[in-house]
């Protein structure tokens, strides 16, 4: 899928948090002040739909948008891209970086190893 801009990703995150069909006004209401203009958010909705992240259905005189990609799926794809770009595709280098920065405990690594051993 096409890479998202920071603003598109931000709008999509609000769509996921709303967890229901929504429109640009719904998303604008999620922002803290100063909120972006509804037209700015509507442009992001159109771009997200064009890129295949959203679809829409008629609602009154407007549209309600529905995500086509889950937050978890997007996160996995994004993580994969980060690993390719910044760690030369090495998942081991990623885990090593987390261990060196003390972001992963020995207990968590032990749990991961148990899960790997149980995997068919």
N, C-alpha and C. Protein backbone atom coordinates (compact mmCIF):
# COMPACT_ATOMS: atom_id res chain seq x y z
N UNK A 1 0.84 -1.18 0.00
CA UNK A 1 0.00 0.00 0.00
C UNK A 1 0.88 1.24 0.00
N UNK A 2 0.29 2.31 -0.49
CA UNK A 2 1.01 3.56 -0.58
C UNK A 2 1.31 4.12 0.81
N UNK A 3 2.48 4.72 0.95
CA UNK A 3 2.90 5.32 2.21
C UNK A 3 2.02 6.54 2.52
N UNK A 4 1.72 6.75 3.79
CA UNK A 4 0.89 7.87 4.20
C UNK A 4 1.74 9.04 4.67
N UNK A 5 1.19 10.24 4.49
CA UNK A 5 1.81 11.42 5.06
C UNK A 5 1.52 11.42 6.56
N UNK A 6 2.21 12.27 7.29
CA UNK A 6 1.97 12.38 8.73
C UNK A 6 0.53 12.78 9.01
N UNK A 7 -0.01 13.73 8.26
CA UNK A 7 -1.40 14.18 8.46
C UNK A 7 -2.40 13.08 8.13
N UNK A 8 -2.16 12.35 7.06
CA UNK A 8 -3.06 11.24 6.70
C UNK A 8 -3.06 10.18 7.80
N UNK A 9 -1.88 9.88 8.31
CA UNK A 9 -1.77 8.89 9.37
C UNK A 9 -2.49 9.37 10.63
N UNK A 10 -2.38 10.64 10.93
CA UNK A 10 -3.05 11.23 12.08
C UNK A 10 -4.58 11.12 11.94
N UNK A 11 -5.10 11.45 10.77
CA UNK A 11 -6.54 11.35 10.51
C UNK A 11 -6.99 9.90 10.61
N UNK A 12 -6.24 8.98 10.02
CA UNK A 12 -6.60 7.57 10.07
C UNK A 12 -6.60 7.05 11.51
N UNK A 13 -5.68 7.52 12.31
CA UNK A 13 -5.64 7.12 13.72
C UNK A 13 -6.91 7.55 14.44
N UNK A 14 -7.41 8.74 14.15
CA UNK A 14 -8.67 9.19 14.75
C UNK A 14 -9.85 8.35 14.26
N UNK A 15 -9.82 7.97 12.99
CA UNK A 15 -10.89 7.12 12.44
C UNK A 15 -10.91 5.79 13.20
N UNK A 16 -9.74 5.20 13.43
CA UNK A 16 -9.67 3.95 14.19
C UNK A 16 -10.16 4.14 15.62
N UNK A 17 -9.78 5.25 16.24
CA UNK A 17 -10.20 5.49 17.63
C UNK A 17 -11.71 5.67 17.73
N UNK A 18 -12.32 6.29 16.73
CA UNK A 18 -13.77 6.47 16.75
C UNK A 18 -14.49 5.13 16.65
N UNK A 19 -13.87 4.20 15.93
CA UNK A 19 -14.37 2.82 15.84
C UNK A 19 -15.82 2.74 15.33
N UNK A 20 -16.14 3.59 14.38
CA UNK A 20 -17.47 3.59 13.75
C UNK A 20 -17.37 4.36 12.45
N UNK A 21 -18.32 4.17 11.53
CA UNK A 21 -18.30 5.00 10.33
C UNK A 21 -18.37 6.48 10.73
N UNK A 22 -17.54 7.29 10.11
CA UNK A 22 -17.46 8.70 10.51
C UNK A 22 -17.13 9.58 9.32
N UNK A 23 -17.22 10.86 9.54
CA UNK A 23 -16.90 11.84 8.52
C UNK A 23 -15.85 12.82 9.02
N UNK A 24 -15.45 13.74 8.16
CA UNK A 24 -14.43 14.71 8.55
C UNK A 24 -14.79 15.51 9.80
N UNK A 25 -16.06 15.89 9.96
CA UNK A 25 -16.45 16.66 11.16
C UNK A 25 -16.25 15.85 12.44
N UNK A 26 -16.51 14.55 12.37
CA UNK A 26 -16.29 13.68 13.54
C UNK A 26 -14.81 13.68 13.93
N UNK A 27 -13.95 13.62 12.93
CA UNK A 27 -12.52 13.59 13.19
C UNK A 27 -12.03 14.94 13.69
N UNK A 28 -12.51 16.03 13.11
CA UNK A 28 -12.12 17.36 13.57
C UNK A 28 -12.42 17.51 15.06
N UNK A 29 -13.55 16.98 15.50
CA UNK A 29 -13.93 17.06 16.92
C UNK A 29 -12.96 16.32 17.83
N UNK A 30 -12.18 15.40 17.30
CA UNK A 30 -11.20 14.64 18.09
C UNK A 30 -9.93 15.43 18.36
N UNK A 31 -9.65 16.42 17.56
CA UNK A 31 -8.43 17.20 17.69
C UNK A 31 -8.51 18.16 18.88
N UNK A 32 -7.38 18.42 19.52
CA UNK A 32 -7.35 19.49 20.52
C UNK A 32 -7.35 20.84 19.80
N UNK A 33 -7.65 21.88 20.52
CA UNK A 33 -7.59 23.23 19.94
C UNK A 33 -6.14 23.60 19.70
N UNK A 34 -5.81 24.33 18.67
CA UNK A 34 -6.69 24.76 17.58
C UNK A 34 -6.91 23.61 16.60
N UNK A 35 -8.15 23.36 16.29
CA UNK A 35 -8.51 22.26 15.40
C UNK A 35 -8.28 22.64 13.95
N UNK A 36 -7.94 21.65 13.12
CA UNK A 36 -7.80 21.94 11.69
C UNK A 36 -9.18 22.23 11.08
N UNK A 37 -9.19 22.88 9.96
CA UNK A 37 -10.44 23.17 9.25
C UNK A 37 -10.99 21.87 8.68
N UNK A 38 -12.30 21.76 8.66
CA UNK A 38 -12.95 20.55 8.18
C UNK A 38 -12.55 20.23 6.73
N UNK A 39 -12.32 21.24 5.92
CA UNK A 39 -11.91 21.00 4.52
C UNK A 39 -10.53 20.34 4.45
N UNK A 40 -9.66 20.70 5.36
CA UNK A 40 -8.32 20.09 5.41
C UNK A 40 -8.44 18.61 5.72
N UNK A 41 -9.28 18.28 6.71
CA UNK A 41 -9.48 16.88 7.09
C UNK A 41 -10.19 16.13 5.96
N UNK A 42 -11.16 16.77 5.31
CA UNK A 42 -11.88 16.15 4.19
C UNK A 42 -10.91 15.79 3.06
N UNK A 43 -9.93 16.63 2.82
CA UNK A 43 -8.92 16.34 1.80
C UNK A 43 -8.13 15.09 2.18
N UNK A 44 -7.81 14.95 3.46
CA UNK A 44 -7.10 13.75 3.92
C UNK A 44 -7.97 12.51 3.73
N UNK A 45 -9.28 12.63 4.01
CA UNK A 45 -10.19 11.50 3.80
C UNK A 45 -10.17 11.07 2.34
N UNK A 46 -10.24 12.02 1.44
CA UNK A 46 -10.23 11.70 0.01
C UNK A 46 -8.93 11.02 -0.39
N UNK A 47 -7.83 11.52 0.13
CA UNK A 47 -6.52 10.93 -0.17
C UNK A 47 -6.42 9.51 0.40
N UNK A 48 -6.91 9.32 1.63
CA UNK A 48 -6.89 7.99 2.25
C UNK A 48 -7.75 7.00 1.47
N UNK A 49 -8.86 7.49 0.93
CA UNK A 49 -9.71 6.61 0.12
C UNK A 49 -9.01 6.26 -1.19
N UNK A 50 -8.40 7.25 -1.81
CA UNK A 50 -7.69 7.01 -3.07
C UNK A 50 -6.54 6.02 -2.89
N UNK A 51 -5.89 6.07 -1.73
CA UNK A 51 -4.77 5.17 -1.44
C UNK A 51 -5.22 3.80 -0.95
N UNK A 52 -6.53 3.61 -0.76
CA UNK A 52 -7.05 2.30 -0.38
C UNK A 52 -7.17 2.04 1.10
N UNK A 53 -7.08 3.07 1.92
CA UNK A 53 -7.18 2.90 3.37
C UNK A 53 -8.61 3.08 3.89
N UNK A 54 -9.43 3.81 3.16
CA UNK A 54 -10.81 4.06 3.54
C UNK A 54 -11.74 3.77 2.38
N UNK A 55 -13.00 3.50 2.71
CA UNK A 55 -14.07 3.46 1.73
C UNK A 55 -15.20 4.29 2.32
N UNK A 56 -16.24 4.55 1.51
CA UNK A 56 -17.33 5.36 2.06
C UNK A 56 -18.68 4.77 1.68
N UNK A 57 -19.68 5.19 2.44
CA UNK A 57 -21.07 4.86 2.14
C UNK A 57 -21.87 6.15 2.30
N UNK A 58 -22.98 6.24 1.59
CA UNK A 58 -23.81 7.44 1.67
C UNK A 58 -24.44 7.55 3.06
N UNK A 59 -24.44 8.78 3.57
CA UNK A 59 -25.10 9.08 4.83
C UNK A 59 -25.76 10.46 4.69
N UNK A 60 -27.08 10.46 4.52
CA UNK A 60 -27.77 11.73 4.30
C UNK A 60 -27.25 12.39 3.04
N UNK A 61 -26.83 13.65 3.19
CA UNK A 61 -26.28 14.38 2.04
C UNK A 61 -24.77 14.23 1.92
N UNK A 62 -24.18 13.46 2.85
CA UNK A 62 -22.73 13.28 2.83
C UNK A 62 -22.34 11.83 2.81
N UNK A 63 -21.15 11.57 3.32
CA UNK A 63 -20.61 10.22 3.34
C UNK A 63 -20.12 9.86 4.74
N UNK A 64 -20.19 8.59 5.03
CA UNK A 64 -19.56 8.03 6.23
C UNK A 64 -18.41 7.15 5.74
N UNK A 65 -17.26 7.33 6.33
CA UNK A 65 -16.07 6.60 5.90
C UNK A 65 -15.77 5.46 6.85
N UNK A 66 -15.27 4.37 6.26
CA UNK A 66 -14.98 3.14 7.00
C UNK A 66 -13.56 2.71 6.64
N UNK A 67 -12.76 2.36 7.65
CA UNK A 67 -11.40 1.90 7.33
C UNK A 67 -11.41 0.54 6.63
N UNK A 68 -10.56 0.40 5.65
CA UNK A 68 -10.36 -0.88 4.96
C UNK A 68 -9.15 -1.62 5.52
N UNK A 69 -8.35 -0.92 6.31
CA UNK A 69 -7.14 -1.48 6.90
C UNK A 69 -7.25 -1.30 8.41
N UNK A 70 -7.00 -2.36 9.16
CA UNK A 70 -7.05 -2.24 10.62
C UNK A 70 -5.78 -1.56 11.14
N UNK A 71 -5.89 -1.04 12.33
CA UNK A 71 -4.74 -0.40 12.97
C UNK A 71 -3.60 -1.41 13.13
N UNK A 72 -3.92 -2.63 13.54
CA UNK A 72 -2.90 -3.67 13.73
C UNK A 72 -2.19 -4.01 12.42
N UNK A 73 -2.96 -4.16 11.34
CA UNK A 73 -2.35 -4.46 10.03
C UNK A 73 -1.45 -3.32 9.57
N UNK A 74 -1.93 -2.10 9.74
CA UNK A 74 -1.12 -0.94 9.35
C UNK A 74 0.16 -0.91 10.18
N UNK A 75 0.04 -1.16 11.47
CA UNK A 75 1.22 -1.17 12.34
C UNK A 75 2.25 -2.20 11.91
N UNK A 76 1.78 -3.40 11.57
CA UNK A 76 2.71 -4.45 11.11
C UNK A 76 3.41 -4.04 9.81
N UNK A 77 2.64 -3.47 8.88
CA UNK A 77 3.26 -3.05 7.60
C UNK A 77 4.27 -1.93 7.82
N UNK A 78 3.90 -0.98 8.68
CA UNK A 78 4.78 0.15 8.95
C UNK A 78 6.05 -0.33 9.65
N UNK A 79 5.89 -1.23 10.61
CA UNK A 79 7.05 -1.77 11.30
C UNK A 79 7.97 -2.50 10.31
N UNK A 80 7.38 -3.26 9.43
CA UNK A 80 8.17 -3.95 8.41
C UNK A 80 8.97 -2.98 7.55
N UNK A 81 8.33 -1.88 7.18
CA UNK A 81 9.02 -0.86 6.37
C UNK A 81 10.16 -0.22 7.16
N UNK A 82 9.93 0.07 8.44
CA UNK A 82 10.98 0.66 9.29
C UNK A 82 12.15 -0.30 9.40
N UNK A 83 11.86 -1.57 9.60
CA UNK A 83 12.92 -2.57 9.72
C UNK A 83 13.73 -2.66 8.43
N UNK A 84 13.05 -2.61 7.29
CA UNK A 84 13.75 -2.64 6.00
C UNK A 84 14.63 -1.39 5.82
N UNK A 85 14.07 -0.22 6.13
CA UNK A 85 14.78 1.04 5.88
C UNK A 85 15.90 1.33 6.86
N UNK A 86 15.69 1.01 8.15
CA UNK A 86 16.65 1.44 9.16
C UNK A 86 17.47 0.32 9.78
N UNK A 87 17.08 -0.93 9.55
CA UNK A 87 17.80 -2.06 10.13
C UNK A 87 18.20 -3.08 9.06
N UNK A 88 18.23 -2.64 7.81
CA UNK A 88 18.63 -3.49 6.68
C UNK A 88 17.87 -4.81 6.66
N UNK A 89 16.61 -4.77 7.11
CA UNK A 89 15.77 -5.96 7.07
C UNK A 89 16.05 -6.99 8.16
N UNK A 90 16.92 -6.65 9.11
CA UNK A 90 17.31 -7.60 10.14
C UNK A 90 16.45 -7.43 11.40
N UNK A 91 15.57 -8.41 11.61
CA UNK A 91 14.75 -8.40 12.82
C UNK A 91 15.62 -8.62 14.05
N UNK A 92 16.69 -9.35 13.89
CA UNK A 92 17.63 -9.59 14.99
C UNK A 92 18.25 -8.27 15.45
N UNK A 93 18.60 -7.41 14.50
CA UNK A 93 19.16 -6.10 14.86
C UNK A 93 18.14 -5.26 15.62
N UNK A 94 16.88 -5.40 15.27
CA UNK A 94 15.83 -4.66 15.97
C UNK A 94 15.74 -5.15 17.42
N UNK A 95 15.66 -6.45 17.60
CA UNK A 95 15.58 -7.02 18.95
C UNK A 95 16.83 -6.64 19.75
N UNK A 96 17.99 -6.71 19.12
CA UNK A 96 19.24 -6.34 19.79
C UNK A 96 19.22 -4.88 20.23
N UNK A 97 18.67 -4.01 19.39
CA UNK A 97 18.58 -2.58 19.75
C UNK A 97 17.68 -2.40 20.96
N UNK A 98 16.57 -3.12 21.00
CA UNK A 98 15.67 -3.03 22.16
C UNK A 98 16.34 -3.55 23.43
N UNK A 99 17.09 -4.62 23.29
CA UNK A 99 17.79 -5.19 24.45
C UNK A 99 18.85 -4.21 24.94
N UNK A 100 19.65 -3.66 24.02
CA UNK A 100 20.71 -2.73 24.41
C UNK A 100 20.15 -1.48 25.07
N UNK A 101 19.00 -1.02 24.59
CA UNK A 101 18.38 0.19 25.17
C UNK A 101 17.53 -0.13 26.40
N UNK A 102 17.54 -1.40 26.79
CA UNK A 102 16.78 -1.88 27.96
C UNK A 102 15.28 -1.62 27.83
N UNK A 103 14.78 -1.75 26.60
CA UNK A 103 13.34 -1.63 26.35
C UNK A 103 12.64 -2.98 26.41
N UNK A 104 13.44 -4.05 26.46
CA UNK A 104 12.91 -5.41 26.53
C UNK A 104 13.61 -6.10 27.70
N UNK A 105 12.83 -6.70 28.57
CA UNK A 105 13.41 -7.39 29.73
C UNK A 105 13.75 -8.84 29.37
N UNK A 106 14.55 -9.44 30.24
CA UNK A 106 14.89 -10.85 30.07
C UNK A 106 13.62 -11.70 30.11
N UNK A 107 12.69 -11.36 30.98
CA UNK A 107 11.43 -12.10 31.08
C UNK A 107 10.64 -12.02 29.77
N UNK A 108 10.63 -10.85 29.17
CA UNK A 108 9.92 -10.70 27.89
C UNK A 108 10.59 -11.51 26.79
N UNK A 109 11.92 -11.53 26.78
CA UNK A 109 12.63 -12.34 25.79
C UNK A 109 12.38 -13.83 26.03
N UNK A 110 12.35 -14.24 27.28
CA UNK A 110 12.04 -15.65 27.60
C UNK A 110 10.65 -16.01 27.10
N UNK A 111 9.69 -15.11 27.30
CA UNK A 111 8.32 -15.34 26.83
C UNK A 111 8.30 -15.46 25.30
N UNK A 112 9.04 -14.59 24.63
CA UNK A 112 9.11 -14.65 23.17
C UNK A 112 9.71 -15.98 22.71
N UNK A 113 10.75 -16.43 23.37
CA UNK A 113 11.35 -17.72 23.02
C UNK A 113 10.36 -18.87 23.23
N UNK A 114 9.60 -18.84 24.33
CA UNK A 114 8.58 -19.88 24.56
C UNK A 114 7.55 -19.87 23.43
N UNK A 115 7.11 -18.67 23.03
CA UNK A 115 6.13 -18.57 21.96
C UNK A 115 6.70 -19.11 20.64
N UNK A 116 7.96 -18.82 20.38
CA UNK A 116 8.60 -19.33 19.15
C UNK A 116 8.71 -20.85 19.17
N UNK A 117 9.02 -21.41 20.32
CA UNK A 117 9.16 -22.86 20.44
C UNK A 117 7.81 -23.56 20.30
N UNK A 118 6.73 -22.90 20.72
CA UNK A 118 5.38 -23.49 20.62
C UNK A 118 4.77 -23.36 19.24
N UNK A 119 5.33 -22.46 18.45
CA UNK A 119 4.80 -22.20 17.10
C UNK A 119 5.04 -23.43 16.22
N UNK A 120 4.00 -23.87 15.50
CA UNK A 120 4.16 -25.06 14.63
C UNK A 120 5.10 -24.82 13.47
